[in-house]
Amino acid sequence: MLPIGTIIYLKEGTSKLMILNRAPILPSGENEEEGIWYDYSGCFYPQGLNPKEVFYFNEENIDEVIFEGFKDNEEERFQKLFQDWLQEEKPNIKKGTITGPME
């Protein structure tokens, strides 16, 4: 799992994205109680966050890591807690898929 602030290119993408968060859960549309999760959300780099241009993607959609974000002890702890959460919740939350290029 890449840290927040990491700069990447997506497969078939032409613009750099910066990772904003990990495991965002979006409403599924079918049932507000359920959600769909992705590995990451990101925004255009260097422009920054525009709420109308937030991209959701998974590890397998990343083509190249340009710069890896900051890591410290808190990041390492988060990674462990996240993996524990994922093992527990994975059967309960549907993972989203990306089927086309995103730019």
PDB file of N, CA and C in Angstrom:
ATOM      1  N   MET A   1       0.842  -1.164   0.000  1.00  0.00           N
ATOM      2  CA  MET A   1       0.000   0.000   0.000  1.00  0.00           C
ATOM      3  C   MET A   1       0.895   1.236   0.000  1.00  0.00           C
ATOM      4  N   LEU A   2       0.592   2.146  -0.901  1.00  0.00           N
ATOM      5  CA  LEU A   2       1.389   3.361  -1.038  1.00  0.00           C
ATOM      6  C   LEU A   2       0.903   4.443  -0.078  1.00  0.00           C
ATOM      7  N   PRO A   3       1.822   5.271   0.427  1.00  0.00           N
ATOM      8  CA  PRO A   3       1.413   6.325   1.350  1.00  0.00           C
ATOM      9  C   PRO A   3       0.749   7.505   0.644  1.00  0.00           C
ATOM     10  N   ILE A   4       0.005   8.265   1.428  1.00  0.00           N
ATOM     11  CA  ILE A   4      -0.608   9.493   0.942  1.00  0.00           C
ATOM     12  C   ILE A   4       0.503  10.408   0.443  1.00  0.00           C
ATOM     13  N   GLY A   5       0.231  11.126  -0.643  1.00  0.00           N
ATOM     14  CA  GLY A   5       1.222  12.026  -1.225  1.00  0.00           C
ATOM     15  C   GLY A   5       2.032  11.398  -2.340  1.00  0.00           C
ATOM     16  N   THR A   6       1.871  10.091  -2.545  1.00  0.00           N
ATOM     17  CA  THR A   6       2.590   9.412  -3.618  1.00  0.00           C
ATOM     18  C   THR A   6       2.074   9.918  -4.964  1.00  0.00           C
ATOM     19  N   ILE A   7       2.990  10.137  -5.903  1.00  0.00           N
ATOM     20  CA  ILE A   7       2.653  10.600  -7.245  1.00  0.00           C
ATOM     21  C   ILE A   7       2.783   9.409  -8.188  1.00  0.00           C
ATOM     22  N   ILE A   8       1.735   9.177  -8.993  1.00  0.00           N
ATOM     23  CA  ILE A   8       1.700   7.990  -9.861  1.00  0.00           C
ATOM     24  C   ILE A   8       1.159   8.340 -11.245  1.00  0.00           C
ATOM     25  N   TYR A   9       1.380   7.434 -12.175  1.00  0.00           N
ATOM     26  CA  TYR A   9       0.660   7.404 -13.445  1.00  0.00           C
ATOM     27  C   TYR A   9      -0.216   6.166 -13.424  1.00  0.00           C
ATOM     28  N   LEU A  10      -1.437   6.295 -13.908  1.00  0.00           N
ATOM     29  CA  LEU A  10      -2.291   5.128 -14.099  1.00  0.00           C
ATOM     30  C   LEU A  10      -2.011   4.525 -15.469  1.00  0.00           C
ATOM     31  N   LYS A  11      -2.307   3.261 -15.625  1.00  0.00           N
ATOM     32  CA  LYS A  11      -2.203   2.623 -16.929  1.00  0.00           C
ATOM     33  C   LYS A  11      -3.092   3.396 -17.892  1.00  0.00           C
ATOM     34  N   GLU A  12      -2.583   3.669 -19.066  1.00  0.00           N
ATOM     35  CA  GLU A  12      -3.277   4.418 -20.109  1.00  0.00           C
ATOM     36  C   GLU A  12      -3.572   5.858 -19.705  1.00  0.00           C
ATOM     37  N   GLY A  13      -3.015   6.314 -18.596  1.00  0.00           N
ATOM     38  CA  GLY A  13      -3.210   7.697 -18.164  1.00  0.00           C
ATOM     39  C   GLY A  13      -2.140   8.594 -18.751  1.00  0.00           C
ATOM     40  N   THR A  14      -2.459   9.888 -18.859  1.00  0.00           N
ATOM     41  CA  THR A  14      -1.502  10.839 -19.413  1.00  0.00           C
ATOM     42  C   THR A  14      -1.149  11.944 -18.425  1.00  0.00           C
ATOM     43  N   SER A  15      -1.788  11.956 -17.272  1.00  0.00           N
ATOM     44  CA  SER A  15      -1.529  12.973 -16.253  1.00  0.00           C
ATOM     45  C   SER A  15      -1.111  12.303 -14.954  1.00  0.00           C
ATOM     46  N   LYS A  16      -0.249  12.980 -14.216  1.00  0.00           N
ATOM     47  CA  LYS A  16       0.148  12.470 -12.917  1.00  0.00           C
ATOM     48  C   LYS A  16      -0.997  12.662 -11.930  1.00  0.00           C
ATOM     49  N   LEU A  17      -1.141  11.692 -11.015  1.00  0.00           N
ATOM     50  CA  LEU A  17      -2.100  11.791  -9.928  1.00  0.00           C
ATOM     51  C   LEU A  17      -1.360  11.698  -8.607  1.00  0.00           C
ATOM     52  N   MET A  18      -1.894  12.378  -7.594  1.00  0.00           N
ATOM     53  CA  MET A  18      -1.367  12.283  -6.240  1.00  0.00           C
ATOM     54  C   MET A  18      -2.380  11.527  -5.388  1.00  0.00           C
ATOM     55  N   ILE A  19      -1.916  10.531  -4.646  1.00  0.00           N
ATOM     56  CA  ILE A  19      -2.800   9.750  -3.783  1.00  0.00           C
ATOM     57  C   ILE A  19      -3.265  10.617  -2.618  1.00  0.00           C
ATOM     58  N   LEU A  20      -4.597  10.685  -2.468  1.00  0.00           N
ATOM     59  CA  LEU A  20      -5.216  11.465  -1.395  1.00  0.00           C
ATOM     60  C   LEU A  20      -5.555  10.622  -0.183  1.00  0.00           C
ATOM     61  N   ASN A  21      -6.057   9.418  -0.410  1.00  0.00           N
ATOM     62  CA  ASN A  21      -6.367   8.537   0.714  1.00  0.00           C
ATOM     63  C   ASN A  21      -6.397   7.092   0.260  1.00  0.00           C
ATOM     64  N   ARG A  22      -6.537   6.213   1.240  1.00  0.00           N
ATOM     65  CA  ARG A  22      -6.534   4.783   0.979  1.00  0.00           C
ATOM     66  C   ARG A  22      -7.853   4.185   1.433  1.00  0.00           C
ATOM     67  N   ALA A  23      -8.328   3.227   0.671  1.00  0.00           N
ATOM     68  CA  ALA A  23      -9.558   2.488   0.966  1.00  0.00           C
ATOM     69  C   ALA A  23     -10.781   3.381   1.130  1.00  0.00           C
ATOM     70  N   PRO A  24     -10.983   4.356   0.208  1.00  0.00           N
ATOM     71  CA  PRO A  24     -12.219   5.119   0.304  1.00  0.00           C
ATOM     72  C   PRO A  24     -13.414   4.201   0.015  1.00  0.00           C
ATOM     73  N   ILE A  25     -14.481   4.403   0.741  1.00  0.00           N
ATOM     74  CA  ILE A  25     -15.699   3.615   0.545  1.00  0.00           C
ATOM     75  C   ILE A  25     -16.773   4.560   0.018  1.00  0.00           C
ATOM     76  N   LEU A  26     -17.299   4.245  -1.162  1.00  0.00           N
ATOM     77  CA  LEU A  26     -18.316   5.067  -1.798  1.00  0.00           C
ATOM     78  C   LEU A  26     -19.663   4.373  -1.707  1.00  0.00           C
ATOM     79  N   PRO A  27     -20.761   5.140  -1.623  1.00  0.00           N
ATOM     80  CA  PRO A  27     -22.085   4.514  -1.627  1.00  0.00           C
ATOM     81  C   PRO A  27     -22.259   3.702  -2.907  1.00  0.00           C
ATOM     82  N   SER A  28     -22.879   2.543  -2.799  1.00  0.00           N
ATOM     83  CA  SER A  28     -23.048   1.681  -3.966  1.00  0.00           C
ATOM     84  C   SER A  28     -24.164   2.158  -4.878  1.00  0.00           C
ATOM     85  N   GLY A  29     -25.020   3.039  -4.387  1.00  0.00           N
ATOM     86  CA  GLY A  29     -26.142   3.509  -5.189  1.00  0.00           C
ATOM     87  C   GLY A  29     -27.352   2.618  -5.036  1.00  0.00           C
ATOM     88  N   GLU A  30     -27.118   1.336  -4.834  1.00  0.00           N
ATOM     89  CA  GLU A  30     -28.208   0.386  -4.683  1.00  0.00           C
ATOM     90  C   GLU A  30     -28.768   0.426  -3.265  1.00  0.00           C
ATOM     91  N   ASN A  31     -27.873   0.539  -2.315  1.00  0.00           N
ATOM     92  CA  ASN A  31     -28.264   0.493  -0.911  1.00  0.00           C
ATOM     93  C   ASN A  31     -27.299   1.387  -0.138  1.00  0.00           C
ATOM     94  N   GLU A  32     -27.818   2.434   0.477  1.00  0.00           N
ATOM     95  CA  GLU A  32     -26.969   3.380   1.190  1.00  0.00           C
ATOM     96  C   GLU A  32     -26.216   2.732   2.349  1.00  0.00           C
ATOM     97  N   GLU A  33     -26.673   1.593   2.838  1.00  0.00           N
ATOM     98  CA  GLU A  33     -25.999   0.899   3.930  1.00  0.00           C
ATOM     99  C   GLU A  33     -24.735   0.192   3.453  1.00  0.00           C
ATOM    100  N   GLU A  34     -24.693  -0.110   2.164  1.00  0.00           N
ATOM    101  CA  GLU A  34     -23.547  -0.828   1.610  1.00  0.00           C
ATOM    102  C   GLU A  34     -22.667   0.137   0.843  1.00  0.00           C
ATOM    103  N   GLY A  35     -21.432  -0.235   0.664  1.00  0.00           N
ATOM    104  CA  GLY A  35     -20.514   0.606  -0.081  1.00  0.00           C
ATOM    105  C   GLY A  35     -19.594  -0.215  -0.954  1.00  0.00           C
ATOM    106  N   ILE A  36     -18.909   0.486  -1.831  1.00  0.00           N
ATOM    107  CA  ILE A  36     -17.898  -0.107  -2.692  1.00  0.00           C
ATOM    108  C   ILE A  36     -16.589   0.576  -2.339  1.00  0.00           C
ATOM    109  N   TRP A  37     -15.539  -0.203  -2.142  1.00  0.00           N
ATOM    110  CA  TRP A  37     -14.259   0.401  -1.793  1.00  0.00           C
ATOM    111  C   TRP A  37     -13.248   0.219  -2.909  1.00  0.00           C
ATOM    112  N   TYR A  38     -12.329   1.168  -2.961  1.00  0.00           N
ATOM    113  CA  TYR A  38     -11.215   1.154  -3.890  1.00  0.00           C
ATOM    114  C   TYR A  38      -9.932   1.229  -3.064  1.00  0.00           C
ATOM    115  N   ASP A  39      -8.818   0.885  -3.658  1.00  0.00           N
ATOM    116  CA  ASP A  39      -7.556   0.968  -2.931  1.00  0.00           C
ATOM    117  C   ASP A  39      -7.188   2.422  -2.630  1.00  0.00           C
ATOM    118  N   TYR A  40      -7.456   3.329  -3.594  1.00  0.00           N
ATOM    119  CA  TYR A  40      -7.007   4.709  -3.465  1.00  0.00           C
ATOM    120  C   TYR A  40      -7.997   5.693  -4.078  1.00  0.00           C
ATOM    121  N   SER A  41      -7.850   6.947  -3.657  1.00  0.00           N
ATOM    122  CA  SER A  41      -8.414   8.065  -4.417  1.00  0.00           C
ATOM    123  C   SER A  41      -7.264   9.013  -4.695  1.00  0.00           C
ATOM    124  N   GLY A  42      -7.396   9.798  -5.756  1.00  0.00           N
ATOM    125  CA  GLY A  42      -6.329  10.713  -6.113  1.00  0.00           C
ATOM    126  C   GLY A  42      -6.855  11.932  -6.836  1.00  0.00           C
ATOM    127  N   CYS A  43      -5.976  12.898  -6.996  1.00  0.00           N
ATOM    128  CA  CYS A  43      -6.291  14.124  -7.720  1.00  0.00           C
ATOM    129  C   CYS A  43      -5.159  14.407  -8.697  1.00  0.00           C
ATOM    130  N   PHE A  44      -5.430  15.306  -9.655  1.00  0.00           N
ATOM    131  CA  PHE A  44      -4.387  15.695 -10.589  1.00  0.00           C
ATOM    132  C   PHE A  44      -3.234  16.348  -9.839  1.00  0.00           C
ATOM    133  N   TYR A  45      -2.020  16.029 -10.282  1.00  0.00           N
ATOM    134  CA  TYR A  45      -0.827  16.679  -9.762  1.00  0.00           C
ATOM    135  C   TYR A  45      -0.230  17.512 -10.885  1.00  0.00           C
ATOM    136  N   PRO A  46       0.124  18.744 -10.685  1.00  0.00           N
ATOM    137  CA  PRO A  46       0.282  19.487  -9.444  1.00  0.00           C
ATOM    138  C   PRO A  46      -0.924  20.346  -9.073  1.00  0.00           C
ATOM    139  N   GLN A  47      -2.022  20.239  -9.796  1.00  0.00           N
ATOM    140  CA  GLN A  47      -3.164  21.118  -9.566  1.00  0.00           C
ATOM    141  C   GLN A  47      -3.762  20.970  -8.175  1.00  0.00           C
ATOM    142  N   GLY A  48      -3.813  19.747  -7.651  1.00  0.00           N
ATOM    143  CA  GLY A  48      -4.410  19.515  -6.345  1.00  0.00           C
ATOM    144  C   GLY A  48      -5.886  19.166  -6.447  1.00  0.00           C
ATOM    145  N   LEU A  49      -6.530  19.141  -5.305  1.00  0.00           N
ATOM    146  CA  LEU A  49      -7.901  18.648  -5.200  1.00  0.00           C
ATOM    147  C   LEU A  49      -8.907  19.584  -5.847  1.00  0.00           C
ATOM    148  N   ASN A  50      -9.680  19.047  -6.758  1.00  0.00           N
ATOM    149  CA  ASN A  50     -10.883  19.654  -7.293  1.00  0.00           C
ATOM    150  C   ASN A  50     -11.972  18.619  -7.017  1.00  0.00           C
ATOM    151  N   PRO A  51     -12.953  18.927  -6.164  1.00  0.00           N
ATOM    152  CA  PRO A  51     -13.952  17.920  -5.781  1.00  0.00           C
ATOM    153  C   PRO A  51     -14.675  17.272  -6.964  1.00  0.00           C
ATOM    154  N   LYS A  52     -14.654  17.925  -8.128  1.00  0.00           N
ATOM    155  CA  LYS A  52     -15.307  17.354  -9.317  1.00  0.00           C
ATOM    156  C   LYS A  52     -14.378  16.422 -10.087  1.00  0.00           C
ATOM    157  N   GLU A  53     -13.113  16.365  -9.677  1.00  0.00           N
ATOM    158  CA  GLU A  53     -12.137  15.533 -10.367  1.00  0.00           C
ATOM    159  C   GLU A  53     -11.350  14.679  -9.381  1.00  0.00           C
ATOM    160  N   VAL A  54     -12.063  13.869  -8.626  1.00  0.00           N
ATOM    161  CA  VAL A  54     -11.429  12.892  -7.740  1.00  0.00           C
ATOM    162  C   VAL A  54     -11.485  11.551  -8.461  1.00  0.00           C
ATOM    163  N   PHE A  55     -10.365  10.866  -8.497  1.00  0.00           N
ATOM    164  CA  PHE A  55     -10.264   9.595  -9.203  1.00  0.00           C
ATOM    165  C   PHE A  55     -10.136   8.465  -8.198  1.00  0.00           C
ATOM    166  N   TYR A  56     -10.831   7.375  -8.453  1.00  0.00           N
ATOM    167  CA  TYR A  56     -10.794   6.186  -7.604  1.00  0.00           C
ATOM    168  C   TYR A  56     -10.168   5.070  -8.414  1.00  0.00           C
ATOM    169  N   PHE A  57      -9.205   4.386  -7.817  1.00  0.00           N
ATOM    170  CA  PHE A  57      -8.483   3.356  -8.561  1.00  0.00           C
ATOM    171  C   PHE A  57      -7.897   2.341  -7.594  1.00  0.00           C
ATOM    172  N   ASN A  58      -7.407   1.252  -8.158  1.00  0.00           N
ATOM    173  CA  ASN A  58      -6.848   0.142  -7.382  1.00  0.00           C
ATOM    174  C   ASN A  58      -5.376  -0.044  -7.722  1.00  0.00           C
ATOM    175  N   GLU A  59      -4.701  -0.822  -6.899  1.00  0.00           N
ATOM    176  CA  GLU A  59      -3.268  -1.088  -7.077  1.00  0.00           C
ATOM    177  C   GLU A  59      -2.958  -1.551  -8.499  1.00  0.00           C
ATOM    178  N   GLU A  60      -3.808  -2.423  -9.043  1.00  0.00           N
ATOM    179  CA  GLU A  60      -3.533  -2.972 -10.370  1.00  0.00           C
ATOM    180  C   GLU A  60      -3.688  -1.953 -11.494  1.00  0.00           C
ATOM    181  N   ASN A  61      -4.284  -0.789 -11.218  1.00  0.00           N
ATOM    182  CA  ASN A  61      -4.437   0.264 -12.223  1.00  0.00           C
ATOM    183  C   ASN A  61      -3.215   1.175 -12.304  1.00  0.00           C
ATOM    184  N   ILE A  62      -2.292   1.050 -11.355  1.00  0.00           N
ATOM    185  CA  ILE A  62      -1.118   1.910 -11.327  1.00  0.00           C
ATOM    186  C   ILE A  62      -0.069   1.378 -12.301  1.00  0.00           C
ATOM    187  N   ASP A  63       0.403   2.282 -13.154  1.00  0.00           N
ATOM    188  CA  ASP A  63       1.426   1.924 -14.130  1.00  0.00           C
ATOM    189  C   ASP A  63       2.826   2.224 -13.603  1.00  0.00           C
ATOM    190  N   GLU A  64       2.998   3.405 -12.985  1.00  0.00           N
ATOM    191  CA  GLU A  64       4.328   3.812 -12.559  1.00  0.00           C
ATOM    192  C   GLU A  64       4.231   4.700 -11.323  1.00  0.00           C
ATOM    193  N   VAL A  65       5.115   4.461 -10.376  1.00  0.00           N
ATOM    194  CA  VAL A  65       5.238   5.326  -9.202  1.00  0.00           C
ATOM    195  C   VAL A  65       6.361   6.317  -9.501  1.00  0.00           C
ATOM    196  N   ILE A  66       6.016   7.608  -9.490  1.00  0.00           N
ATOM    197  CA  ILE A  66       6.975   8.670  -9.775  1.00  0.00           C
ATOM    198  C   ILE A  66       7.692   9.108  -8.498  1.00  0.00           C
ATOM    199  N   PHE A  67       6.924   9.221  -7.413  1.00  0.00           N
ATOM    200  CA  PHE A  67       7.455   9.674  -6.123  1.00  0.00           C
ATOM    201  C   PHE A  67       6.654   8.999  -5.028  1.00  0.00           C
ATOM    202  N   GLU A  68       7.338   8.426  -4.053  1.00  0.00           N
ATOM    203  CA  GLU A  68       6.631   7.775  -2.943  1.00  0.00           C
ATOM    204  C   GLU A  68       6.514   8.745  -1.770  1.00  0.00           C
ATOM    205  N   GLY A  69       5.295   8.862  -1.239  1.00  0.00           N
ATOM    206  CA  GLY A  69       5.002   9.787  -0.157  1.00  0.00           C
ATOM    207  C   GLY A  69       5.730   9.458   1.141  1.00  0.00           C
ATOM    208  N   PHE A  70       5.589  10.352   2.095  1.00  0.00           N
ATOM    209  CA  PHE A  70       6.273  10.292   3.387  1.00  0.00           C
ATOM    210  C   PHE A  70       5.856   9.068   4.190  1.00  0.00           C
ATOM    211  N   LYS A  71       6.835   8.430   4.821  1.00  0.00           N
ATOM    212  CA  LYS A  71       6.598   7.284   5.699  1.00  0.00           C
ATOM    213  C   LYS A  71       7.283   7.529   7.029  1.00  0.00           C
ATOM    214  N   ASP A  72       6.593   7.183   8.112  1.00  0.00           N
ATOM    215  CA  ASP A  72       7.183   7.226   9.446  1.00  0.00           C
ATOM    216  C   ASP A  72       6.553   6.115  10.273  1.00  0.00           C
ATOM    217  N   ASN A  73       6.756   6.128  11.591  1.00  0.00           N
ATOM    218  CA  ASN A  73       6.210   5.078  12.452  1.00  0.00           C
ATOM    219  C   ASN A  73       4.687   5.041  12.413  1.00  0.00           C
ATOM    220  N   GLU A  74       4.048   6.215  12.326  1.00  0.00           N
ATOM    221  CA  GLU A  74       2.589   6.243  12.260  1.00  0.00           C
ATOM    222  C   GLU A  74       2.080   5.600  10.981  1.00  0.00           C
ATOM    223  N   GLU A  75       2.797   5.823   9.871  1.00  0.00           N
ATOM    224  CA  GLU A  75       2.418   5.200   8.608  1.00  0.00           C
ATOM    225  C   GLU A  75       2.541   3.682   8.716  1.00  0.00           C
ATOM    226  N   GLU A  76       3.608   3.202   9.308  1.00  0.00           N
ATOM    227  CA  GLU A  76       3.789   1.759   9.477  1.00  0.00           C
ATOM    228  C   GLU A  76       2.679   1.174  10.346  1.00  0.00           C
ATOM    229  N   ARG A  77       2.314   1.876  11.420  1.00  0.00           N
ATOM    230  CA  ARG A  77       1.218   1.420  12.286  1.00  0.00           C
ATOM    231  C   ARG A  77      -0.103   1.402  11.530  1.00  0.00           C
ATOM    232  N   PHE A  78      -0.359   2.457  10.756  1.00  0.00           N
ATOM    233  CA  PHE A  78      -1.574   2.498   9.949  1.00  0.00           C
ATOM    234  C   PHE A  78      -1.641   1.302   9.005  1.00  0.00           C
ATOM    235  N   GLN A  79      -0.526   1.012   8.347  1.00  0.00           N
ATOM    236  CA  GLN A  79      -0.498  -0.107   7.401  1.00  0.00           C
ATOM    237  C   GLN A  79      -0.884  -1.417   8.094  1.00  0.00           C
ATOM    238  N   LYS A  80      -0.369  -1.640   9.293  1.00  0.00           N
ATOM    239  CA  LYS A  80      -0.701  -2.863  10.039  1.00  0.00           C
ATOM    240  C   LYS A  80      -2.178  -2.870  10.414  1.00  0.00           C
ATOM    241  N   LEU A  81      -2.671  -1.767  10.957  1.00  0.00           N
ATOM    242  CA  LEU A  81      -4.085  -1.690  11.345  1.00  0.00           C
ATOM    243  C   LEU A  81      -4.996  -1.851  10.135  1.00  0.00           C
ATOM    244  N   PHE A  82      -4.594  -1.263   9.021  1.00  0.00           N
ATOM    245  CA  PHE A  82      -5.397  -1.374   7.806  1.00  0.00           C
ATOM    246  C   PHE A  82      -5.466  -2.826   7.331  1.00  0.00           C
ATOM    247  N   GLN A  83      -4.339  -3.522   7.341  1.00  0.00           N
ATOM    248  CA  GLN A  83      -4.342  -4.924   6.913  1.00  0.00           C
ATOM    249  C   GLN A  83      -5.210  -5.776   7.830  1.00  0.00           C
ATOM    250  N   ASP A  84      -5.184  -5.506   9.132  1.00  0.00           N
ATOM    251  CA  ASP A  84      -6.064  -6.213  10.066  1.00  0.00           C
ATOM    252  C   ASP A  84      -7.528  -5.933   9.750  1.00  0.00           C
ATOM    253  N   TRP A  85      -7.851  -4.653   9.523  1.00  0.00           N
ATOM    254  CA  TRP A  85      -9.230  -4.262   9.178  1.00  0.00           C
ATOM    255  C   TRP A  85      -9.666  -4.937   7.888  1.00  0.00           C
ATOM    256  N   LEU A  86      -8.786  -4.941   6.898  1.00  0.00           N
ATOM    257  CA  LEU A  86      -9.109  -5.518   5.601  1.00  0.00           C
ATOM    258  C   LEU A  86      -9.424  -7.002   5.712  1.00  0.00           C
ATOM    259  N   GLN A  87      -8.649  -7.728   6.492  1.00  0.00           N
ATOM    260  CA  GLN A  87      -8.913  -9.157   6.662  1.00  0.00           C
ATOM    261  C   GLN A  87     -10.271  -9.405   7.309  1.00  0.00           C
ATOM    262  N   GLU A  88     -10.641  -8.522   8.214  1.00  0.00           N
ATOM    263  CA  GLU A  88     -11.910  -8.676   8.911  1.00  0.00           C
ATOM    264  C   GLU A  88     -13.105  -8.242   8.051  1.00  0.00           C
ATOM    265  N   GLU A  89     -12.967  -7.152   7.310  1.00  0.00           N
ATOM    266  CA  GLU A  89     -14.090  -6.563   6.584  1.00  0.00           C
ATOM    267  C   GLU A  89     -14.200  -6.963   5.118  1.00  0.00           C
ATOM    268  N   LYS A  90     -13.149  -7.525   4.555  1.00  0.00           N
ATOM    269  CA  LYS A  90     -13.130  -7.841   3.120  1.00  0.00           C
ATOM    270  C   LYS A  90     -14.367  -8.617   2.656  1.00  0.00           C
ATOM    271  N   PRO A  91     -14.826  -9.609   3.411  1.00  0.00           N
ATOM    272  CA  PRO A  91     -16.015 -10.340   2.947  1.00  0.00           C
ATOM    273  C   PRO A  91     -17.291  -9.495   2.960  1.00  0.00           C
ATOM    274  N   ASN A  92     -17.272  -8.378   3.691  1.00  0.00           N
ATOM    275  CA  ASN A  92     -18.485  -7.581   3.864  1.00  0.00           C
ATOM    276  C   ASN A  92     -18.601  -6.392   2.921  1.00  0.00           C
ATOM    277  N   ILE A  93     -17.516  -6.017   2.263  1.00  0.00           N
ATOM    278  CA  ILE A  93     -17.525  -4.834   1.410  1.00  0.00           C
ATOM    279  C   ILE A  93     -17.069  -5.219   0.010  1.00  0.00           C
ATOM    280  N   LYS A  94     -17.851  -4.813  -0.977  1.00  0.00           N
ATOM    281  CA  LYS A  94     -17.522  -5.108  -2.366  1.00  0.00           C
ATOM    282  C   LYS A  94     -16.431  -4.154  -2.851  1.00  0.00           C
ATOM    283  N   LYS A  95     -15.416  -4.711  -3.530  1.00  0.00           N
ATOM    284  CA  LYS A  95     -14.343  -3.886  -4.071  1.00  0.00           C
ATOM    285  C   LYS A  95     -14.723  -3.428  -5.473  1.00  0.00           C
ATOM    286  N   GLY A  96     -14.533  -2.144  -5.741  1.00  0.00           N
ATOM    287  CA  GLY A  96     -14.828  -1.594  -7.058  1.00  0.00           C
ATOM    288  C   GLY A  96     -13.776  -1.994  -8.068  1.00  0.00           C
ATOM    289  N   THR A  97     -14.152  -1.943  -9.323  1.00  0.00           N
ATOM    290  CA  THR A  97     -13.214  -2.236 -10.399  1.00  0.00           C
ATOM    291  C   THR A  97     -13.197  -1.062 -11.376  1.00  0.00           C
ATOM    292  N   ILE A  98     -12.071  -0.884 -12.010  1.00  0.00           N
ATOM    293  CA  ILE A  98     -11.895   0.143 -13.022  1.00  0.00           C
ATOM    294  C   ILE A  98     -11.776  -0.586 -14.351  1.00  0.00           C
ATOM    295  N   THR A  99     -12.636  -0.213 -15.309  1.00  0.00           N
ATOM    296  CA  THR A  99     -12.662  -0.945 -16.568  1.00  0.00           C
ATOM    297  C   THR A  99     -12.132  -0.148 -17.750  1.00  0.00           C
ATOM    298  N   GLY A 100     -11.797   1.117 -17.541  1.00  0.00           N
ATOM    299  CA  GLY A 100     -11.312   1.913 -18.661  1.00  0.00           C
ATOM    300  C   GLY A 100     -10.262   2.905 -18.223  1.00  0.00           C
ATOM    301  N   PRO A 101      -9.670   3.581 -19.198  1.00  0.00           N
ATOM    302  CA  PRO A 101      -8.640   4.564 -18.855  1.00  0.00           C
ATOM    303  C   PRO A 101      -9.234   5.736 -18.089  1.00  0.00           C
ATOM    304  N   MET A 102      -8.407   6.306 -17.239  1.00  0.00           N
ATOM    305  CA  MET A 102      -8.821   7.466 -16.458  1.00  0.00           C
ATOM    306  C   MET A 102      -7.785   8.557 -16.647  1.00  0.00           C
ATOM    307  N   GLU A 103      -8.221   9.760 -16.951  1.00  0.00           N
ATOM    308  CA  GLU A 103      -7.314  10.890 -17.012  1.00  0.00           C
ATOM    309  C   GLU A 103      -7.999  12.096 -16.456  1.00  0.00           C
TER     310      GLU A 103
END
